[in-house]
Amino acid sequence: MPKLSRRAHRIPEKEEVSDYRRQVGAHIRSLRERRGYSLRGVAESIGISSSYLSLLERGIRPLTIDHLYQLAFSLGINVRDCIPD
């Protein structure tokens, strides 16, 4: 089995993680808005407050795997579609 370089295992900096979290949140917001769903409606459908969903969409709070799956189901999309290219 080939060894991976240490570089392949570099832990992302906190800023990189925050940037990616914002990108994912903005992408989810875009998907929700394109489908015409309200913040409140989607939040209620997955059992969180609209203010918490807003924090997720703005990348302020980390998105859990559970919330990711619930959001995908609520939006009628595949989980993979929640992650921007």
C-alpha atoms as a PDB file:
ATOM      1  CA  MET A   1       0.000   0.000   0.000  1.00  0.00           C
ATOM      2  CA  PRO A   2       1.516   3.371  -0.966  1.00  0.00           C
ATOM      3  CA  LYS A   3       2.234   5.830   1.803  1.00  0.00           C
ATOM      4  CA  LEU A   4       0.460   9.130   1.729  1.00  0.00           C
ATOM      5  CA  SER A   5       2.520  12.208   2.189  1.00  0.00           C
ATOM      6  CA  ARG A   6       2.046  14.244   5.332  1.00  0.00           C
ATOM      7  CA  ARG A   7       0.756  17.003   3.133  1.00  0.00           C
ATOM      8  CA  ALA A   8      -2.259  14.864   2.152  1.00  0.00           C
ATOM      9  CA  HIS A   9      -3.199  14.725   5.824  1.00  0.00           C
ATOM     10  CA  ARG A  10      -2.896  18.413   6.574  1.00  0.00           C
ATOM     11  CA  ILE A  11      -5.574  19.591   8.943  1.00  0.00           C
ATOM     12  CA  PRO A  12      -7.403  22.571   7.445  1.00  0.00           C
ATOM     13  CA  GLU A  13      -6.969  25.873   9.181  1.00  0.00           C
ATOM     14  CA  LYS A  14      -9.923  27.199  11.161  1.00  0.00           C
ATOM     15  CA  GLU A  15     -10.481  29.935   8.565  1.00  0.00           C
ATOM     16  CA  GLU A  16     -10.647  27.353   5.760  1.00  0.00           C
ATOM     17  CA  VAL A  17     -13.258  25.351   7.641  1.00  0.00           C
ATOM     18  CA  SER A  18     -15.297  28.499   8.331  1.00  0.00           C
ATOM     19  CA  ASP A  19     -15.141  29.509   4.658  1.00  0.00           C
ATOM     20  CA  TYR A  20     -16.304  26.090   3.543  1.00  0.00           C
ATOM     21  CA  ARG A  21     -19.079  26.091   6.151  1.00  0.00           C
ATOM     22  CA  ARG A  22     -20.272  29.445   4.739  1.00  0.00           C
ATOM     23  CA  GLN A  23     -20.173  28.072   1.189  1.00  0.00           C
ATOM     24  CA  VAL A  24     -22.222  25.014   2.134  1.00  0.00           C
ATOM     25  CA  GLY A  25     -24.726  27.126   4.058  1.00  0.00           C
ATOM     26  CA  ALA A  26     -25.118  29.601   1.194  1.00  0.00           C
ATOM     27  CA  HIS A  27     -25.593  26.711  -1.233  1.00  0.00           C
ATOM     28  CA  ILE A  28     -28.319  25.197   0.942  1.00  0.00           C
ATOM     29  CA  ARG A  29     -30.021  28.595   1.204  1.00  0.00           C
ATOM     30  CA  SER A  30     -29.896  28.927  -2.572  1.00  0.00           C
ATOM     31  CA  LEU A  31     -31.415  25.463  -3.029  1.00  0.00           C
ATOM     32  CA  ARG A  32     -34.192  26.295  -0.554  1.00  0.00           C
ATOM     33  CA  GLU A  33     -34.990  29.635  -2.162  1.00  0.00           C
ATOM     34  CA  ARG A  34     -34.966  28.205  -5.705  1.00  0.00           C
ATOM     35  CA  ARG A  35     -37.607  25.737  -4.615  1.00  0.00           C
ATOM     36  CA  GLY A  36     -39.696  28.510  -3.088  1.00  0.00           C
ATOM     37  CA  TYR A  37     -39.513  27.173   0.464  1.00  0.00           C
ATOM     38  CA  SER A  38     -39.568  29.570   3.388  1.00  0.00           C
ATOM     39  CA  LEU A  39     -36.955  29.537   6.108  1.00  0.00           C
ATOM     40  CA  ARG A  40     -39.665  28.944   8.695  1.00  0.00           C
ATOM     41  CA  GLY A  41     -41.317  26.113   6.755  1.00  0.00           C
ATOM     42  CA  VAL A  42     -38.105  24.163   6.245  1.00  0.00           C
ATOM     43  CA  ALA A  43     -36.993  24.760   9.827  1.00  0.00           C
ATOM     44  CA  GLU A  44     -40.306  23.490  11.189  1.00  0.00           C
ATOM     45  CA  SER A  45     -40.183  20.438   8.931  1.00  0.00           C
ATOM     46  CA  ILE A  46     -36.857  19.344  10.424  1.00  0.00           C
ATOM     47  CA  GLY A  47     -37.621  20.355  14.005  1.00  0.00           C
ATOM     48  CA  ILE A  48     -35.361  23.370  14.486  1.00  0.00           C
ATOM     49  CA  SER A  49     -36.073  27.062  14.861  1.00  0.00           C
ATOM     50  CA  SER A  50     -35.934  29.384  11.881  1.00  0.00           C
ATOM     51  CA  SER A  51     -33.230  31.389  13.646  1.00  0.00           C
ATOM     52  CA  TYR A  52     -31.078  28.260  13.991  1.00  0.00           C
ATOM     53  CA  LEU A  53     -31.559  27.377  10.318  1.00  0.00           C
ATOM     54  CA  SER A  54     -30.535  30.928   9.463  1.00  0.00           C
ATOM     55  CA  LEU A  55     -27.330  30.431  11.475  1.00  0.00           C
ATOM     56  CA  LEU A  56     -26.653  27.202   9.561  1.00  0.00           C
ATOM     57  CA  GLU A  57     -27.264  28.876   6.199  1.00  0.00           C
ATOM     58  CA  ARG A  58     -24.938  31.739   7.086  1.00  0.00           C
ATOM     59  CA  GLY A  59     -22.235  29.310   8.184  1.00  0.00           C
ATOM     60  CA  ILE A  60     -22.200  30.586  11.736  1.00  0.00           C
ATOM     61  CA  ARG A  61     -23.165  27.234  13.266  1.00  0.00           C
ATOM     62  CA  PRO A  62     -21.695  23.922  12.083  1.00  0.00           C
ATOM     63  CA  LEU A  63     -24.023  21.704  10.083  1.00  0.00           C
ATOM     64  CA  THR A  64     -24.387  18.232  11.577  1.00  0.00           C
ATOM     65  CA  ILE A  65     -24.787  15.112   9.461  1.00  0.00           C
ATOM     66  CA  ASP A  66     -28.277  14.694  10.912  1.00  0.00           C
ATOM     67  CA  HIS A  67     -29.294  18.206   9.868  1.00  0.00           C
ATOM     68  CA  LEU A  68     -27.739  17.723   6.445  1.00  0.00           C
ATOM     69  CA  TYR A  69     -29.829  14.598   5.814  1.00  0.00           C
ATOM     70  CA  GLN A  70     -32.968  16.246   7.202  1.00  0.00           C
ATOM     71  CA  LEU A  71     -32.466  19.321   5.028  1.00  0.00           C
ATOM     72  CA  ALA A  72     -31.905  17.208   1.920  1.00  0.00           C
ATOM     73  CA  PHE A  73     -35.071  15.212   2.616  1.00  0.00           C
ATOM     74  CA  SER A  74     -37.062  18.367   3.327  1.00  0.00           C
ATOM     75  CA  LEU A  75     -35.858  19.965   0.080  1.00  0.00           C
ATOM     76  CA  GLY A  76     -36.495  16.770  -1.895  1.00  0.00           C
ATOM     77  CA  ILE A  77     -32.892  16.385  -2.994  1.00  0.00           C
ATOM     78  CA  ASN A  78     -29.977  14.021  -2.535  1.00  0.00           C
ATOM     79  CA  VAL A  79     -27.555  14.758   0.291  1.00  0.00           C
ATOM     80  CA  ARG A  80     -24.729  15.084  -2.254  1.00  0.00           C
ATOM     81  CA  ASP A  81     -26.619  17.973  -3.841  1.00  0.00           C
ATOM     82  CA  CYS A  82     -26.258  19.959  -0.602  1.00  0.00           C
ATOM     83  CA  ILE A  83     -22.502  20.156  -1.071  1.00  0.00           C
ATOM     84  CA  PRO A  84     -21.344  22.741  -3.611  1.00  0.00           C
ATOM     85  CA  ASP A  85     -18.891  21.723  -6.338  1.00  0.00           C
END
